[in-house]
């Protein structure tokens, strides 16, 4: 799942080396939280107009996890350059 999210994100941004994912599967609500960090200049590419790209990413991941019946929450973050490198 993490590899799929990484592949989708890296193919959308102009700086693929700056993509970073943190996974928090010990959330109190029973969901798996994916924190996707990208370069600030790529944030618009990941979100898209009116959030269409972000919704599409979520839909792809939900389709993959559907047989396993667990919940996923994806958080799109813009990280400062010093945190990415």
N, C-alpha and C. Protein backbone atom coordinates (compact mmCIF):
# COMPACT_ATOMS: atom_id res chain seq x y z
N UNK A 1 0.81 -1.18 0.00
CA UNK A 1 0.00 0.00 0.00
C UNK A 1 0.87 1.26 0.00
N UNK A 2 1.86 1.26 0.86
CA UNK A 2 2.78 2.40 0.93
C UNK A 2 3.54 2.57 -0.40
N UNK A 3 3.91 1.44 -1.01
CA UNK A 3 4.63 1.49 -2.28
C UNK A 3 3.75 2.06 -3.39
N UNK A 4 2.47 1.71 -3.38
CA UNK A 4 1.54 2.24 -4.37
C UNK A 4 1.38 3.75 -4.22
N UNK A 5 1.20 4.21 -3.00
CA UNK A 5 1.08 5.64 -2.75
C UNK A 5 2.35 6.37 -3.17
N UNK A 6 3.50 5.80 -2.87
CA UNK A 6 4.78 6.41 -3.26
C UNK A 6 4.91 6.48 -4.78
N UNK A 7 4.53 5.41 -5.48
CA UNK A 7 4.62 5.39 -6.93
C UNK A 7 3.69 6.42 -7.55
N UNK A 8 2.47 6.53 -7.06
CA UNK A 8 1.52 7.51 -7.58
C UNK A 8 2.04 8.93 -7.36
N UNK A 9 2.52 9.21 -6.17
CA UNK A 9 2.98 10.55 -5.84
C UNK A 9 4.22 10.93 -6.65
N UNK A 10 5.16 10.01 -6.76
CA UNK A 10 6.41 10.32 -7.49
C UNK A 10 6.16 10.58 -8.97
N UNK A 11 5.14 9.95 -9.54
CA UNK A 11 4.84 10.17 -10.95
C UNK A 11 4.06 11.46 -11.18
N UNK A 12 3.53 12.07 -10.14
CA UNK A 12 2.76 13.29 -10.29
C UNK A 12 3.58 14.56 -10.07
N UNK A 13 4.62 14.49 -9.27
CA UNK A 13 5.35 15.68 -8.88
C UNK A 13 6.54 15.95 -9.79
N UNK A 14 7.05 17.18 -9.73
CA UNK A 14 8.23 17.52 -10.53
C UNK A 14 9.53 17.20 -9.81
N UNK A 15 9.45 17.01 -8.50
CA UNK A 15 10.64 16.65 -7.71
C UNK A 15 10.38 15.33 -6.97
N UNK A 16 10.48 14.20 -7.68
CA UNK A 16 10.12 12.91 -7.08
C UNK A 16 11.01 12.49 -5.91
N UNK A 17 12.23 13.01 -5.86
CA UNK A 17 13.11 12.64 -4.75
C UNK A 17 12.68 13.27 -3.42
N UNK A 18 11.81 14.25 -3.47
CA UNK A 18 11.38 14.92 -2.25
C UNK A 18 10.12 14.29 -1.64
N UNK A 19 9.57 13.26 -2.27
CA UNK A 19 8.37 12.61 -1.75
C UNK A 19 8.74 11.73 -0.56
N UNK A 20 7.98 11.87 0.51
CA UNK A 20 8.24 11.11 1.73
C UNK A 20 6.90 10.67 2.31
N UNK A 21 6.84 9.46 2.83
CA UNK A 21 5.60 8.95 3.43
C UNK A 21 5.90 8.46 4.84
N UNK A 22 5.05 8.86 5.76
CA UNK A 22 5.10 8.33 7.13
C UNK A 22 3.79 7.58 7.38
N UNK A 23 3.89 6.43 8.01
CA UNK A 23 2.72 5.60 8.29
C UNK A 23 2.50 5.53 9.78
N UNK A 24 1.26 5.78 10.19
CA UNK A 24 0.89 5.66 11.60
C UNK A 24 -0.27 4.68 11.67
N UNK A 25 0.04 3.43 11.99
CA UNK A 25 -1.01 2.41 12.05
C UNK A 25 -1.46 2.13 13.48
N UNK A 26 -0.97 2.91 14.42
CA UNK A 26 -1.37 2.72 15.81
C UNK A 26 -2.31 3.84 16.26
N UNK A 27 -3.07 4.37 15.33
CA UNK A 27 -4.00 5.45 15.67
C UNK A 27 -5.12 4.90 16.56
N UNK A 28 -5.62 5.77 17.41
CA UNK A 28 -6.64 5.36 18.37
C UNK A 28 -7.97 5.00 17.69
N UNK A 29 -8.21 5.56 16.51
CA UNK A 29 -9.48 5.32 15.84
C UNK A 29 -9.48 4.05 15.00
N UNK A 30 -8.39 3.28 15.01
CA UNK A 30 -8.32 2.03 14.27
C UNK A 30 -8.01 2.19 12.80
N UNK A 31 -7.73 3.40 12.37
CA UNK A 31 -7.42 3.66 10.98
C UNK A 31 -5.91 3.70 10.78
N UNK A 32 -5.49 3.47 9.54
CA UNK A 32 -4.09 3.63 9.18
C UNK A 32 -3.95 5.02 8.57
N UNK A 33 -3.06 5.81 9.11
CA UNK A 33 -2.85 7.19 8.65
C UNK A 33 -1.57 7.24 7.81
N UNK A 34 -1.70 7.69 6.57
CA UNK A 34 -0.55 7.91 5.70
C UNK A 34 -0.34 9.40 5.59
N UNK A 35 0.84 9.86 5.95
CA UNK A 35 1.21 11.27 5.82
C UNK A 35 2.13 11.37 4.60
N UNK A 36 1.65 12.02 3.57
CA UNK A 36 2.41 12.18 2.33
C UNK A 36 3.01 13.58 2.31
N UNK A 37 4.33 13.64 2.30
CA UNK A 37 5.05 14.92 2.28
C UNK A 37 5.64 15.14 0.90
N UNK A 38 5.42 16.31 0.35
CA UNK A 38 5.99 16.69 -0.94
C UNK A 38 6.61 18.07 -0.83
N UNK A 39 7.40 18.43 -1.82
CA UNK A 39 7.99 19.76 -1.88
C UNK A 39 6.86 20.80 -1.98
N UNK A 40 7.03 21.95 -1.35
CA UNK A 40 5.98 22.98 -1.40
C UNK A 40 5.57 23.38 -2.81
N UNK A 41 6.49 23.34 -3.76
CA UNK A 41 6.15 23.71 -5.13
C UNK A 41 5.31 22.64 -5.83
N UNK A 42 5.27 21.43 -5.29
CA UNK A 42 4.50 20.33 -5.88
C UNK A 42 3.15 20.10 -5.23
N UNK A 43 2.83 20.89 -4.22
CA UNK A 43 1.58 20.67 -3.50
C UNK A 43 0.36 20.80 -4.41
N UNK A 44 0.39 21.75 -5.32
CA UNK A 44 -0.73 21.93 -6.25
C UNK A 44 -0.90 20.75 -7.19
N UNK A 45 0.20 20.11 -7.56
CA UNK A 45 0.12 18.94 -8.43
C UNK A 45 -0.50 17.75 -7.71
N UNK A 46 -0.23 17.60 -6.44
CA UNK A 46 -0.78 16.47 -5.68
C UNK A 46 -2.26 16.69 -5.38
N UNK A 47 -2.65 17.92 -5.08
CA UNK A 47 -4.04 18.19 -4.74
C UNK A 47 -4.89 18.33 -6.00
N UNK A 48 -4.40 19.04 -6.99
CA UNK A 48 -5.15 19.23 -8.22
C UNK A 48 -6.24 20.27 -8.07
N UNK A 49 -6.90 20.60 -9.18
CA UNK A 49 -7.98 21.58 -9.15
C UNK A 49 -9.15 21.01 -8.38
N UNK A 50 -9.58 21.76 -7.38
CA UNK A 50 -10.70 21.38 -6.51
C UNK A 50 -10.49 20.00 -5.87
N UNK A 51 -9.22 19.61 -5.69
CA UNK A 51 -8.92 18.37 -5.01
C UNK A 51 -9.14 17.11 -5.82
N UNK A 52 -9.25 17.24 -7.11
CA UNK A 52 -9.56 16.08 -7.95
C UNK A 52 -8.45 15.03 -7.95
N UNK A 53 -7.20 15.46 -7.99
CA UNK A 53 -6.09 14.50 -7.98
C UNK A 53 -6.02 13.80 -6.63
N UNK A 54 -6.18 14.54 -5.55
CA UNK A 54 -6.16 13.94 -4.21
C UNK A 54 -7.30 12.94 -4.06
N UNK A 55 -8.48 13.27 -4.57
CA UNK A 55 -9.62 12.34 -4.51
C UNK A 55 -9.33 11.09 -5.33
N UNK A 56 -8.70 11.25 -6.48
CA UNK A 56 -8.37 10.09 -7.32
C UNK A 56 -7.36 9.18 -6.62
N UNK A 57 -6.37 9.77 -5.98
CA UNK A 57 -5.39 8.97 -5.23
C UNK A 57 -6.10 8.18 -4.13
N UNK A 58 -6.98 8.85 -3.40
CA UNK A 58 -7.73 8.16 -2.34
C UNK A 58 -8.58 7.03 -2.91
N UNK A 59 -9.25 7.26 -4.01
CA UNK A 59 -10.11 6.23 -4.61
C UNK A 59 -9.30 5.00 -5.04
N UNK A 60 -8.13 5.22 -5.60
CA UNK A 60 -7.27 4.10 -6.00
C UNK A 60 -6.88 3.28 -4.78
N UNK A 61 -6.46 3.96 -3.72
CA UNK A 61 -6.05 3.24 -2.51
C UNK A 61 -7.23 2.53 -1.85
N UNK A 62 -8.40 3.17 -1.85
CA UNK A 62 -9.58 2.51 -1.27
C UNK A 62 -9.96 1.26 -2.06
N UNK A 63 -9.79 1.30 -3.38
CA UNK A 63 -10.09 0.13 -4.20
C UNK A 63 -9.14 -1.02 -3.89
N UNK A 64 -7.90 -0.70 -3.57
CA UNK A 64 -6.92 -1.73 -3.25
C UNK A 64 -7.21 -2.35 -1.88
N UNK A 65 -7.61 -1.54 -0.91
CA UNK A 65 -7.81 -2.06 0.45
C UNK A 65 -9.19 -2.66 0.68
N UNK A 66 -10.12 -2.47 -0.24
CA UNK A 66 -11.49 -2.92 -0.03
C UNK A 66 -11.61 -4.38 0.42
N UNK A 67 -10.89 -5.33 -0.21
CA UNK A 67 -11.04 -6.73 0.24
C UNK A 67 -10.56 -6.97 1.66
N UNK A 68 -9.70 -6.09 2.17
CA UNK A 68 -9.12 -6.31 3.50
C UNK A 68 -9.93 -5.65 4.60
N UNK A 69 -10.88 -4.83 4.26
CA UNK A 69 -11.81 -4.19 5.19
C UNK A 69 -11.08 -3.50 6.35
N UNK A 70 -10.20 -2.61 6.04
CA UNK A 70 -9.67 -1.73 7.08
C UNK A 70 -9.66 -0.31 6.54
N UNK A 71 -9.61 0.65 7.41
CA UNK A 71 -9.77 2.04 7.02
C UNK A 71 -8.41 2.72 6.86
N UNK A 72 -8.36 3.62 5.89
CA UNK A 72 -7.15 4.37 5.60
C UNK A 72 -7.49 5.84 5.56
N UNK A 73 -6.60 6.66 6.10
CA UNK A 73 -6.75 8.11 6.09
C UNK A 73 -5.47 8.67 5.50
N UNK A 74 -5.58 9.46 4.43
CA UNK A 74 -4.40 10.01 3.77
C UNK A 74 -4.35 11.51 4.05
N UNK A 75 -3.21 11.97 4.53
CA UNK A 75 -3.01 13.37 4.84
C UNK A 75 -1.92 13.90 3.90
N UNK A 76 -2.25 14.92 3.14
CA UNK A 76 -1.30 15.53 2.21
C UNK A 76 -0.64 16.71 2.92
N UNK A 77 0.70 16.67 3.00
CA UNK A 77 1.43 17.70 3.71
C UNK A 77 2.47 18.35 2.81
N UNK A 78 2.70 19.60 3.06
CA UNK A 78 3.74 20.35 2.39
C UNK A 78 4.86 20.54 3.40
N UNK A 79 5.99 19.90 3.16
CA UNK A 79 7.09 19.94 4.12
C UNK A 79 8.12 20.99 3.70
N UNK A 80 8.68 21.69 4.66
CA UNK A 80 9.79 22.59 4.33
C UNK A 80 10.95 21.81 3.74
N UNK A 81 11.71 22.45 2.87
CA UNK A 81 12.79 21.77 2.18
C UNK A 81 13.81 21.15 3.11
N UNK A 82 14.09 21.79 4.26
CA UNK A 82 15.09 21.23 5.17
C UNK A 82 14.61 19.94 5.83
N UNK A 83 13.30 19.71 5.90
CA UNK A 83 12.79 18.47 6.47
C UNK A 83 12.79 17.34 5.45
N UNK A 84 12.68 17.67 4.18
CA UNK A 84 12.64 16.65 3.14
C UNK A 84 14.02 16.09 2.87
N UNK A 85 15.02 16.98 2.82
CA UNK A 85 16.37 16.55 2.49
C UNK A 85 17.05 15.92 3.64
